[in-house]
Amino acid sequence: MSDKVLICGSIAFDTIAVFEGHFKDHILADSIQSLSVSFFVPSLRKEYGGCAGNIAYNLRLLGGNPLPVGTVGSDASDYVVYMQQLGIDTSLVRVLPDMYTPQCFITTDLDNNQIASFHPGAMLKSAENDISGQEAAWGIVAPDSKDGMFAHATRMHEAGIPFVFDLGQAMPLFAGEDILRMLKMASILCVNEYEASVVCQRTGMDMERLSERLKGLIVTHGADDSVVYEAGKRTEVPVVPAEEVVDPTGCGDAHRAGLLYGLTRGWSIADACKLGNVMGSIKIASRGPQNHRPTRAEIDNILQSRYGLGL
């Protein structure tokens, strides 16, 4: 049986600039209707990101076999080579030469306030990246264009590939009927606490009832314990305290990678979620979504010490 994991989602660049001052001193409320400001940003970094890219990176750290599915522009040649050097199969990363790779431009001040702009670029064509005929043990539909998310979900469902639905940043795109339509195809829904409240509000159903439609449902709670719902029953999964809280960017993606690794090996959802908690705790201690470098042995040690499980 294939151990591949189809990771459908965005592959993007995050360009992050730091303004060594405070926005509130330059953006004045009485002048907001004619806003024209400029910030000097001596600190600048460009990070490899996007949900599919981040999940694939973390799954590869675990020794998994990720197959990212995404659309990028010709400006992503370095990103594609970087993934290949990590041993990631990029055969389903489609390059559109006449478009840019999705990019998020973020300027942050000394109070950690952010001004961000997102350019979807090639992501708008993600539905055209046809995964029909692929074989995989599991898949995930992570944030992407709405059309792309439904296209990938439909193709995996038709192929009999179980998949995780990760609503994440795509939440504003999904009305209640869209969520319920996706849950008819998905095996597992994974959301954070805030997303869970929105899902309940939009569908008119609580987590227990929604879990009865799925193999399982996972709600993460940041620094608190995660909760797994299966057939209406609730199980708390203890959190792994982070050694240091540096940057939460990409923590959810790291968690999904741990979850998928466990699922491909036939673990229970609760045990797979435990590995997800380990991966999230490692990621949050590092700045940027793909700059943490734990060895597989180090991950295994944490998993053993916290939960008595081994990779």
C-alpha atoms as a PDB file:
ATOM      1  CA  MET A   1       0.000   0.000   0.000  1.00  0.00           C
ATOM      2  CA  SER A   2       1.208   3.506  -0.815  1.00  0.00           C
ATOM      3  CA  ASP A   3       2.518   5.612   2.059  1.00  0.00           C
ATOM      4  CA  LYS A   4       2.141   8.831   0.076  1.00  0.00           C
ATOM      5  CA  VAL A   5       0.185  11.749   1.502  1.00  0.00           C
ATOM      6  CA  LEU A   6      -1.446  14.152  -0.963  1.00  0.00           C
ATOM      7  CA  ILE A   7      -1.046  17.626   0.530  1.00  0.00           C
ATOM      8  CA  CYS A   8      -3.378  19.989  -1.298  1.00  0.00           C
ATOM      9  CA  GLY A   9      -3.028  23.655  -0.405  1.00  0.00           C
ATOM     10  CA  SER A  10      -1.146  26.872  -0.956  1.00  0.00           C
ATOM     11  CA  ILE A  11       2.573  27.084  -1.700  1.00  0.00           C
ATOM     12  CA  ALA A  12       3.609  30.661  -1.010  1.00  0.00           C
ATOM     13  CA  PHE A  13       6.257  33.155  -0.023  1.00  0.00           C
ATOM     14  CA  ASP A  14       6.003  35.236   3.158  1.00  0.00           C
ATOM     15  CA  THR A  15       7.920  38.517   2.955  1.00  0.00           C
ATOM     16  CA  ILE A  16       8.182  40.006   6.440  1.00  0.00           C
ATOM     17  CA  ALA A  17       9.492  43.500   7.183  1.00  0.00           C
ATOM     18  CA  VAL A  18      10.001  44.997  10.637  1.00  0.00           C
ATOM     19  CA  PHE A  19       9.254  48.667  11.257  1.00  0.00           C
ATOM     20  CA  GLU A  20      11.285  49.803  14.252  1.00  0.00           C
ATOM     21  CA  GLY A  21       8.564  52.081  15.535  1.00  0.00           C
ATOM     22  CA  HIS A  22       4.844  52.084  16.268  1.00  0.00           C
ATOM     23  CA  PHE A  23       2.073  52.322  13.667  1.00  0.00           C
ATOM     24  CA  LYS A  24      -0.070  54.281  16.109  1.00  0.00           C
ATOM     25  CA  ASP A  25       2.418  57.169  15.949  1.00  0.00           C
ATOM     26  CA  HIS A  26       2.069  57.425  12.156  1.00  0.00           C
ATOM     27  CA  ILE A  27      -1.486  56.348  11.343  1.00  0.00           C
ATOM     28  CA  LEU A  28      -3.677  59.055  12.794  1.00  0.00           C
ATOM     29  CA  ALA A  29      -7.397  58.481  13.218  1.00  0.00           C
ATOM     30  CA  ASP A  30      -8.393  61.931  11.959  1.00  0.00           C
ATOM     31  CA  SER A  31      -6.396  61.424   8.732  1.00  0.00           C
ATOM     32  CA  ILE A  32      -7.460  57.884   7.931  1.00  0.00           C
ATOM     33  CA  GLN A  33      -9.667  58.967   5.010  1.00  0.00           C
ATOM     34  CA  SER A  34      -6.590  60.261   3.139  1.00  0.00           C
ATOM     35  CA  LEU A  35      -3.995  57.775   4.310  1.00  0.00           C
ATOM     36  CA  SER A  36      -0.529  58.025   2.787  1.00  0.00           C
ATOM     37  CA  VAL A  37       2.262  56.641   4.957  1.00  0.00           C
ATOM     38  CA  SER A  38       5.684  55.178   4.389  1.00  0.00           C
ATOM     39  CA  PHE A  39       7.715  53.028   6.778  1.00  0.00           C
ATOM     40  CA  PHE A  40      11.474  52.528   6.819  1.00  0.00           C
ATOM     41  CA  VAL A  41      12.065  48.794   7.381  1.00  0.00           C
ATOM     42  CA  PRO A  42      15.745  47.922   7.895  1.00  0.00           C
ATOM     43  CA  SER A  43      14.906  44.298   8.771  1.00  0.00           C
ATOM     44  CA  LEU A  44      13.503  42.096   6.007  1.00  0.00           C
ATOM     45  CA  ARG A  45      13.233  38.350   5.527  1.00  0.00           C
ATOM     46  CA  LYS A  46      11.626  36.123   2.930  1.00  0.00           C
ATOM     47  CA  GLU A  47      10.288  32.784   4.118  1.00  0.00           C
ATOM     48  CA  TYR A  48       9.120  29.693   2.310  1.00  0.00           C
ATOM     49  CA  GLY A  49       5.516  29.158   3.382  1.00  0.00           C
ATOM     50  CA  GLY A  50       2.012  28.282   2.327  1.00  0.00           C
ATOM     51  CA  CYS A  51       0.008  25.529   3.998  1.00  0.00           C
ATOM     52  CA  ALA A  52       0.969  22.740   1.605  1.00  0.00           C
ATOM     53  CA  GLY A  53       4.627  23.738   1.695  1.00  0.00           C
ATOM     54  CA  ASN A  54       4.703  23.887   5.492  1.00  0.00           C
ATOM     55  CA  ILE A  55       2.879  20.579   5.981  1.00  0.00           C
ATOM     56  CA  ALA A  56       5.135  18.834   3.456  1.00  0.00           C
ATOM     57  CA  TYR A  57       8.237  20.201   5.202  1.00  0.00           C
ATOM     58  CA  ASN A  58       7.138  18.925   8.620  1.00  0.00           C
ATOM     59  CA  LEU A  59       6.002  15.558   7.308  1.00  0.00           C
ATOM     60  CA  ARG A  60       9.397  15.112   5.671  1.00  0.00           C
ATOM     61  CA  LEU A  61      11.090  15.858   9.025  1.00  0.00           C
ATOM     62  CA  LEU A  62       9.192  12.862  10.386  1.00  0.00           C
ATOM     63  CA  GLY A  63      10.340  10.638   7.550  1.00  0.00           C
ATOM     64  CA  GLY A  64       6.966  10.698   5.826  1.00  0.00           C
ATOM     65  CA  ASN A  65       6.286  10.745   2.093  1.00  0.00           C
ATOM     66  CA  PRO A  66       4.555  14.055   1.288  1.00  0.00           C
ATOM     67  CA  LEU A  67       3.294  14.838  -2.196  1.00  0.00           C
ATOM     68  CA  PRO A  68       2.415  18.563  -2.246  1.00  0.00           C
ATOM     69  CA  VAL A  69      -0.281  19.628  -4.690  1.00  0.00           C
ATOM     70  CA  GLY A  70      -0.168  23.326  -5.553  1.00  0.00           C
ATOM     71  CA  THR A  71       0.250  25.947  -8.236  1.00  0.00           C
ATOM     72  CA  VAL A  72       3.133  28.428  -8.290  1.00  0.00           C
ATOM     73  CA  GLY A  73       4.677  30.958 -10.654  1.00  0.00           C
ATOM     74  CA  SER A  74       8.039  30.895 -12.406  1.00  0.00           C
ATOM     75  CA  ASP A  75       9.435  32.931  -9.472  1.00  0.00           C
ATOM     76  CA  ALA A  76       9.203  29.801  -7.280  1.00  0.00           C
ATOM     77  CA  SER A  77      12.079  27.913  -8.922  1.00  0.00           C
ATOM     78  CA  ASP A  78      14.220  28.216  -5.779  1.00  0.00           C
ATOM     79  CA  TYR A  79      11.356  26.949  -3.594  1.00  0.00           C
ATOM     80  CA  VAL A  80      10.828  23.914  -5.846  1.00  0.00           C
ATOM     81  CA  VAL A  81      14.549  23.076  -5.793  1.00  0.00           C
ATOM     82  CA  TYR A  82      14.577  23.505  -2.001  1.00  0.00           C
ATOM     83  CA  MET A  83      11.743  20.987  -1.621  1.00  0.00           C
ATOM     84  CA  GLN A  84      13.486  18.548  -3.951  1.00  0.00           C
ATOM     85  CA  GLN A  85      16.682  18.823  -1.907  1.00  0.00           C
ATOM     86  CA  LEU A  86      14.648  17.824   1.162  1.00  0.00           C
ATOM     87  CA  GLY A  87      13.525  14.702  -0.674  1.00  0.00           C
ATOM     88  CA  ILE A  88      10.001  15.976  -1.360  1.00  0.00           C
ATOM     89  CA  ASP A  89       8.313  14.814  -4.573  1.00  0.00           C
ATOM     90  CA  THR A  90       7.338  17.980  -6.489  1.00  0.00           C
ATOM     91  CA  SER A  91       5.751  16.271  -9.486  1.00  0.00           C
ATOM     92  CA  LEU A  92       2.329  17.720  -8.568  1.00  0.00           C
ATOM     93  CA  VAL A  93       3.597  21.272  -8.043  1.00  0.00           C
ATOM     94  CA  ARG A  94       2.384  22.965 -11.209  1.00  0.00           C
ATOM     95  CA  VAL A  95       4.366  25.971 -12.471  1.00  0.00           C
ATOM     96  CA  LEU A  96       2.400  28.677 -14.317  1.00  0.00           C
ATOM     97  CA  PRO A  97       5.000  30.859 -16.077  1.00  0.00           C
ATOM     98  CA  ASP A  98       2.655  33.793 -16.687  1.00  0.00           C
ATOM     99  CA  MET A  99       1.660  34.207 -13.003  1.00  0.00           C
ATOM    100  CA  TYR A 100       3.347  34.963  -9.691  1.00  0.00           C
ATOM    101  CA  THR A 101       3.591  32.560  -6.782  1.00  0.00           C
ATOM    102  CA  PRO A 102       1.129  33.417  -3.976  1.00  0.00           C
ATOM    103  CA  GLN A 103       2.762  35.939  -1.671  1.00  0.00           C
ATOM    104  CA  CYS A 104       1.981  37.532   1.651  1.00  0.00           C
ATOM    105  CA  PHE A 105       3.630  40.875   2.377  1.00  0.00           C
ATOM    106  CA  ILE A 106       3.711  41.659   6.081  1.00  0.00           C
ATOM    107  CA  THR A 107       4.977  44.745   7.875  1.00  0.00           C
ATOM    108  CA  THR A 108       5.064  44.478  11.658  1.00  0.00           C
ATOM    109  CA  ASP A 109       5.850  47.137  14.260  1.00  0.00           C
ATOM    110  CA  LEU A 110       7.413  46.956  17.707  1.00  0.00           C
ATOM    111  CA  ASP A 111       4.007  46.227  19.260  1.00  0.00           C
ATOM    112  CA  ASN A 112       3.638  43.181  16.945  1.00  0.00           C
ATOM    113  CA  ASN A 113       0.820  44.903  15.061  1.00  0.00           C
ATOM    114  CA  GLN A 114       0.745  43.837  11.426  1.00  0.00           C
ATOM    115  CA  ILE A 115      -0.245  45.326   8.092  1.00  0.00           C
ATOM    116  CA  ALA A 116      -0.517  42.505   5.558  1.00  0.00           C
ATOM    117  CA  SER A 117      -1.382  42.164   1.887  1.00  0.00           C
ATOM    118  CA  PHE A 118      -1.942  38.810   0.158  1.00  0.00           C
ATOM    119  CA  HIS A 119      -1.552  38.211  -3.569  1.00  0.00           C
ATOM    120  CA  PRO A 120      -3.124  34.845  -4.556  1.00  0.00           C
ATOM    121  CA  GLY A 121      -1.363  34.646  -7.916  1.00  0.00           C
ATOM    122  CA  ALA A 122      -1.150  31.119  -9.311  1.00  0.00           C
ATOM    123  CA  MET A 123      -3.294  29.807  -6.452  1.00  0.00           C
ATOM    124  CA  LEU A 124      -6.342  31.033  -8.389  1.00  0.00           C
ATOM    125  CA  LYS A 125      -5.687  28.221 -10.879  1.00  0.00           C
ATOM    126  CA  SER A 126      -5.266  25.462  -8.299  1.00  0.00           C
ATOM    127  CA  ALA A 127      -8.472  23.661  -9.331  1.00  0.00           C
ATOM    128  CA  GLU A 128      -6.867  22.940 -12.703  1.00  0.00           C
ATOM    129  CA  ASN A 129      -4.128  20.881 -11.034  1.00  0.00           C
ATOM    130  CA  ASP A 130      -5.785  17.497 -11.612  1.00  0.00           C
ATOM    131  CA  ILE A 131      -4.831  14.730  -9.146  1.00  0.00           C
ATOM    132  CA  SER A 132      -7.059  12.093 -10.741  1.00  0.00           C
ATOM    133  CA  GLY A 133      -5.389   8.693 -10.862  1.00  0.00           C
ATOM    134  CA  GLN A 134      -3.094   9.324  -7.888  1.00  0.00           C
ATOM    135  CA  GLU A 135      -2.735   6.730  -5.148  1.00  0.00           C
ATOM    136  CA  ALA A 136      -2.177   7.754  -1.527  1.00  0.00           C
ATOM    137  CA  ALA A 137      -2.700   6.464   1.994  1.00  0.00           C
ATOM    138  CA  TRP A 138      -4.136   9.789   3.142  1.00  0.00           C
ATOM    139  CA  GLY A 139      -4.617  13.329   1.921  1.00  0.00           C
ATOM    140  CA  ILE A 140      -5.377  16.762   3.267  1.00  0.00           C
ATOM    141  CA  VAL A 141      -7.340  19.676   1.834  1.00  0.00           C
ATOM    142  CA  ALA A 142      -5.652  22.694   3.387  1.00  0.00           C
ATOM    143  CA  PRO A 143      -6.388  26.396   2.706  1.00  0.00           C
ATOM    144  CA  ASP A 144      -6.221  27.228  -0.999  1.00  0.00           C
ATOM    145  CA  SER A 145      -8.620  28.766  -3.482  1.00  0.00           C
ATOM    146  CA  LYS A 146     -12.178  27.642  -2.747  1.00  0.00           C
ATOM    147  CA  ASP A 147     -12.574  26.056  -6.186  1.00  0.00           C
ATOM    148  CA  GLY A 148      -9.284  24.242  -5.730  1.00  0.00           C
ATOM    149  CA  MET A 149     -10.246  22.909  -2.311  1.00  0.00           C
ATOM    150  CA  PHE A 150     -13.500  21.461  -3.606  1.00  0.00           C
ATOM    151  CA  ALA A 151     -11.851  20.078  -6.762  1.00  0.00           C
ATOM    152  CA  HIS A 152      -9.171  18.246  -4.781  1.00  0.00           C
ATOM    153  CA  ALA A 153     -11.696  17.009  -2.201  1.00  0.00           C
ATOM    154  CA  THR A 154     -13.975  15.634  -4.922  1.00  0.00           C
ATOM    155  CA  ARG A 155     -11.141  13.839  -6.715  1.00  0.00           C
ATOM    156  CA  MET A 156      -9.799  12.234  -3.528  1.00  0.00           C
ATOM    157  CA  HIS A 157     -13.300  11.214  -2.451  1.00  0.00           C
ATOM    158  CA  GLU A 158     -13.954   9.616  -5.837  1.00  0.00           C
ATOM    159  CA  ALA A 159     -10.612   7.783  -5.612  1.00  0.00           C
ATOM    160  CA  GLY A 160     -11.414   6.481  -2.127  1.00  0.00           C
ATOM    161  CA  ILE A 161      -8.529   8.381  -0.506  1.00  0.00           C
ATOM    162  CA  PRO A 162      -9.420   9.454   3.059  1.00  0.00           C
ATOM    163  CA  PHE A 163      -8.529  13.059   3.771  1.00  0.00           C
ATOM    164  CA  VAL A 164      -8.374  15.693   6.479  1.00  0.00           C
ATOM    165  CA  PHE A 165     -10.270  18.939   5.912  1.00  0.00           C
ATOM    166  CA  ASP A 166      -8.301  21.863   7.369  1.00  0.00           C
ATOM    167  CA  LEU A 167     -10.470  24.978   7.152  1.00  0.00           C
ATOM    168  CA  GLY A 168      -7.881  27.444   8.485  1.00  0.00           C
ATOM    169  CA  GLN A 169      -7.455  30.766   6.682  1.00  0.00           C
ATOM    170  CA  ALA A 170     -10.035  29.732   4.070  1.00  0.00           C
ATOM    171  CA  MET A 171     -12.771  30.112   6.686  1.00  0.00           C
ATOM    172  CA  PRO A 172     -14.165  33.409   5.249  1.00  0.00           C
ATOM    173  CA  LEU A 173     -14.815  31.601   1.940  1.00  0.00           C
ATOM    174  CA  PHE A 174     -17.009  28.846   3.421  1.00  0.00           C
ATOM    175  CA  ALA A 175     -20.669  29.296   4.281  1.00  0.00           C
ATOM    176  CA  GLY A 176     -22.468  26.683   6.356  1.00  0.00           C
ATOM    177  CA  GLU A 177     -23.670  24.706   3.332  1.00  0.00           C
ATOM    178  CA  ASP A 178     -20.117  24.696   1.921  1.00  0.00           C
ATOM    179  CA  ILE A 179     -18.756  23.231   5.167  1.00  0.00           C
ATOM    180  CA  LEU A 180     -21.423  20.519   5.253  1.00  0.00           C
ATOM    181  CA  ARG A 181     -20.773  19.687   1.602  1.00  0.00           C
ATOM    182  CA  MET A 182     -17.059  19.263   2.358  1.00  0.00           C
ATOM    183  CA  LEU A 183     -17.784  17.112   5.421  1.00  0.00           C
ATOM    184  CA  LYS A 184     -19.751  14.661   3.251  1.00  0.00           C
ATOM    185  CA  MET A 185     -16.442  13.856   1.536  1.00  0.00           C
ATOM    186  CA  ALA A 186     -13.854  14.315   4.325  1.00  0.00           C
ATOM    187  CA  SER A 187     -12.851  11.732   6.929  1.00  0.00           C
ATOM    188  CA  ILE A 188     -11.542  14.155   9.562  1.00  0.00           C
ATOM    189  CA  LEU A 189     -12.137  17.851  10.264  1.00  0.00           C
ATOM    190  CA  CYS A 190      -9.327  19.716  12.018  1.00  0.00           C
ATOM    191  CA  VAL A 191      -9.908  23.241  13.355  1.00  0.00           C
ATOM    192  CA  ASN A 192      -8.694  25.534  16.106  1.00  0.00           C
ATOM    193  CA  GLU A 193     -10.949  26.760  18.890  1.00  0.00           C
ATOM    194  CA  TYR A 194     -12.069  29.929  17.089  1.00  0.00           C
ATOM    195  CA  GLU A 195     -12.681  28.114  13.800  1.00  0.00           C
ATOM    196  CA  ALA A 196     -14.718  25.515  15.701  1.00  0.00           C
ATOM    197  CA  SER A 197     -17.030  28.205  17.058  1.00  0.00           C
ATOM    198  CA  VAL A 198     -17.519  29.617  13.551  1.00  0.00           C
ATOM    199  CA  VAL A 199     -18.226  26.154  12.115  1.00  0.00           C
ATOM    200  CA  CYS A 200     -20.859  25.555  14.799  1.00  0.00           C
ATOM    201  CA  GLN A 201     -22.439  28.943  14.194  1.00  0.00           C
ATOM    202  CA  ARG A 202     -22.553  28.538  10.398  1.00  0.00           C
ATOM    203  CA  THR A 203     -23.801  24.935  10.348  1.00  0.00           C
ATOM    204  CA  GLY A 204     -26.111  25.178  13.369  1.00  0.00           C
ATOM    205  CA  MET A 205     -24.545  22.007  14.784  1.00  0.00           C
ATOM    206  CA  ASP A 206     -22.211  21.406  17.723  1.00  0.00           C
ATOM    207  CA  MET A 207     -18.943  19.464  17.567  1.00  0.00           C
ATOM    208  CA  GLU A 208     -20.492  16.264  18.945  1.00  0.00           C
ATOM    209  CA  ARG A 209     -23.170  16.180  16.250  1.00  0.00           C
ATOM    210  CA  LEU A 210     -20.736  17.073  13.474  1.00  0.00           C
ATOM    211  CA  SER A 211     -18.371  14.302  14.566  1.00  0.00           C
ATOM    212  CA  GLU A 212     -21.123  11.758  13.968  1.00  0.00           C
ATOM    213  CA  ARG A 213     -20.794  12.532  10.250  1.00  0.00           C
ATOM    214  CA  LEU A 214     -17.036  11.875  10.246  1.00  0.00           C
ATOM    215  CA  LYS A 215     -14.395   9.391  11.268  1.00  0.00           C
ATOM    216  CA  GLY A 216     -13.186  12.061  13.691  1.00  0.00           C
ATOM    217  CA  LEU A 217     -13.027  15.743  14.504  1.00  0.00           C
ATOM    218  CA  ILE A 218     -10.099  17.562  16.153  1.00  0.00           C
ATOM    219  CA  VAL A 219     -10.168  20.932  17.900  1.00  0.00           C
ATOM    220  CA  THR A 220      -6.833  22.434  18.934  1.00  0.00           C
ATOM    221  CA  HIS A 221      -6.754  24.979  21.764  1.00  0.00           C
ATOM    222  CA  GLY A 222      -3.348  26.638  21.447  1.00  0.00           C
ATOM    223  CA  ALA A 223      -1.506  26.247  24.750  1.00  0.00           C
ATOM    224  CA  ASP A 224      -4.348  24.119  26.187  1.00  0.00           C
ATOM    225  CA  ASP A 225      -5.267  20.492  25.566  1.00  0.00           C
ATOM    226  CA  SER A 226      -6.605  19.411  22.174  1.00  0.00           C
ATOM    227  CA  VAL A 227      -9.972  17.654  21.949  1.00  0.00           C
ATOM    228  CA  VAL A 228     -10.803  14.697  19.713  1.00  0.00           C
ATOM    229  CA  TYR A 229     -14.449  13.910  18.956  1.00  0.00           C
ATOM    230  CA  GLU A 230     -15.376  10.482  17.595  1.00  0.00           C
ATOM    231  CA  ALA A 231     -19.004   9.416  17.100  1.00  0.00           C
ATOM    232  CA  GLY A 232     -20.107  12.134  19.515  1.00  0.00           C
ATOM    233  CA  LYS A 233     -17.625  11.141  22.234  1.00  0.00           C
ATOM    234  CA  ARG A 234     -15.044  13.627  23.486  1.00  0.00           C
ATOM    235  CA  THR A 235     -11.412  12.778  24.375  1.00  0.00           C
ATOM    236  CA  GLU A 236      -8.908  15.343  25.657  1.00  0.00           C
ATOM    237  CA  VAL A 237      -5.333  15.053  24.384  1.00  0.00           C
ATOM    238  CA  PRO A 238      -2.782  16.720  26.705  1.00  0.00           C
ATOM    239  CA  VAL A 239      -0.805  19.555  25.170  1.00  0.00           C
ATOM    240  CA  VAL A 240       3.005  19.568  24.941  1.00  0.00           C
ATOM    241  CA  PRO A 241       4.307  22.750  26.610  1.00  0.00           C
ATOM    242  CA  ALA A 242       6.637  24.712  24.333  1.00  0.00           C
ATOM    243  CA  GLU A 243      10.192  25.328  25.524  1.00  0.00           C
ATOM    244  CA  GLU A 244       9.849  28.874  24.192  1.00  0.00           C
ATOM    245  CA  VAL A 245       7.099  30.807  22.418  1.00  0.00           C
ATOM    246  CA  VAL A 246       8.781  32.642  19.536  1.00  0.00           C
ATOM    247  CA  ASP A 247       6.456  32.586  16.513  1.00  0.00           C
ATOM    248  CA  PRO A 248       3.103  30.795  16.052  1.00  0.00           C
ATOM    249  CA  THR A 249       3.249  31.081  12.232  1.00  0.00           C
ATOM    250  CA  GLY A 250       2.938  27.588  10.786  1.00  0.00           C
ATOM    251  CA  CYS A 251       2.135  25.808  14.062  1.00  0.00           C
ATOM    252  CA  GLY A 252      -1.165  24.501  12.728  1.00  0.00           C
ATOM    253  CA  ASP A 253       0.593  23.142   9.642  1.00  0.00           C
ATOM    254  CA  ALA A 254       3.199  21.385  11.812  1.00  0.00           C
ATOM    255  CA  HIS A 255       0.352  19.831  13.815  1.00  0.00           C
ATOM    256  CA  ARG A 256      -1.359  18.568  10.648  1.00  0.00           C
ATOM    257  CA  ALA A 257       1.894  16.916   9.537  1.00  0.00           C
ATOM    258  CA  GLY A 258       2.153  15.000  12.806  1.00  0.00           C
ATOM    259  CA  LEU A 259      -1.486  14.006  12.546  1.00  0.00           C
ATOM    260  CA  LEU A 260      -1.034  12.730   8.985  1.00  0.00           C
ATOM    261  CA  TYR A 261       2.107  10.792   9.858  1.00  0.00           C
ATOM    262  CA  GLY A 262       0.235   8.909  12.567  1.00  0.00           C
ATOM    263  CA  LEU A 263      -2.816   8.279  10.374  1.00  0.00           C
ATOM    264  CA  THR A 264      -0.727   6.784   7.556  1.00  0.00           C
ATOM    265  CA  ARG A 265       0.665   4.317  10.093  1.00  0.00           C
ATOM    266  CA  GLY A 266      -2.743   3.254  11.336  1.00  0.00           C
ATOM    267  CA  TRP A 267      -2.597   5.044  14.693  1.00  0.00           C
ATOM    268  CA  SER A 268      -5.773   6.097  16.459  1.00  0.00           C
ATOM    269  CA  ILE A 269      -6.825   9.682  15.867  1.00  0.00           C
ATOM    270  CA  ALA A 270      -5.979  10.581  19.471  1.00  0.00           C
ATOM    271  CA  ASP A 271      -2.448   9.154  19.174  1.00  0.00           C
ATOM    272  CA  ALA A 272      -1.909  10.868  15.830  1.00  0.00           C
ATOM    273  CA  CYS A 273      -3.068  14.113  17.448  1.00  0.00           C
ATOM    274  CA  LYS A 274      -0.431  13.605  20.158  1.00  0.00           C
ATOM    275  CA  LEU A 275       2.306  13.649  17.523  1.00  0.00           C
ATOM    276  CA  GLY A 276       0.644  16.736  16.060  1.00  0.00           C
ATOM    277  CA  ASN A 277       0.931  18.417  19.461  1.00  0.00           C
ATOM    278  CA  VAL A 278       4.629  17.524  19.600  1.00  0.00           C
ATOM    279  CA  MET A 279       5.282  19.024  16.165  1.00  0.00           C
ATOM    280  CA  GLY A 280       3.390  22.218  17.013  1.00  0.00           C
ATOM    281  CA  SER A 281       5.382  22.686  20.223  1.00  0.00           C
ATOM    282  CA  ILE A 282       8.671  22.314  18.321  1.00  0.00           C
ATOM    283  CA  LYS A 283       7.634  24.750  15.602  1.00  0.00           C
ATOM    284  CA  ILE A 284       6.504  27.558  17.934  1.00  0.00           C
ATOM    285  CA  ALA A 285      10.016  27.839  19.394  1.00  0.00           C
ATOM    286  CA  SER A 286      11.424  28.836  15.986  1.00  0.00           C
ATOM    287  CA  ARG A 287      10.880  31.982  13.903  1.00  0.00           C
ATOM    288  CA  GLY A 288       9.311  31.349  10.516  1.00  0.00           C
ATOM    289  CA  PRO A 289       7.296  28.325   9.363  1.00  0.00           C
ATOM    290  CA  GLN A 290      10.173  26.166   8.064  1.00  0.00           C
ATOM    291  CA  ASN A 291      13.273  27.057  10.094  1.00  0.00           C
ATOM    292  CA  HIS A 292      13.021  24.427  12.844  1.00  0.00           C
ATOM    293  CA  ARG A 293      15.416  21.534  12.333  1.00  0.00           C
ATOM    294  CA  PRO A 294      14.691  18.758  14.844  1.00  0.00           C
ATOM    295  CA  THR A 295      16.064  15.309  14.069  1.00  0.00           C
ATOM    296  CA  ARG A 296      13.694  12.383  13.891  1.00  0.00           C
ATOM    297  CA  ALA A 297      15.329  11.026  17.045  1.00  0.00           C
ATOM    298  CA  GLU A 298      14.663  14.289  18.897  1.00  0.00           C
ATOM    299  CA  ILE A 299      11.005  14.216  17.873  1.00  0.00           C
ATOM    300  CA  ASP A 300      10.792  10.582  18.977  1.00  0.00           C
ATOM    301  CA  ASN A 301      12.308  11.436  22.368  1.00  0.00           C
ATOM    302  CA  ILE A 302       9.676  14.110  23.040  1.00  0.00           C
ATOM    303  CA  LEU A 303       6.877  11.801  21.912  1.00  0.00           C
ATOM    304  CA  GLN A 304       8.182   9.045  24.185  1.00  0.00           C
ATOM    305  CA  SER A 305       8.651  11.289  27.224  1.00  0.00           C
ATOM    306  CA  ARG A 306       5.286  13.049  26.932  1.00  0.00           C
ATOM    307  CA  TYR A 307       3.012  10.239  25.778  1.00  0.00           C
ATOM    308  CA  GLY A 308       4.929   6.945  25.945  1.00  0.00           C
ATOM    309  CA  LEU A 309       4.633   6.546  22.163  1.00  0.00           C
ATOM    310  CA  GLY A 310       7.350   5.981  19.581  1.00  0.00           C
ATOM    311  CA  LEU A 311       7.646   6.866  15.922  1.00  0.00           C
END
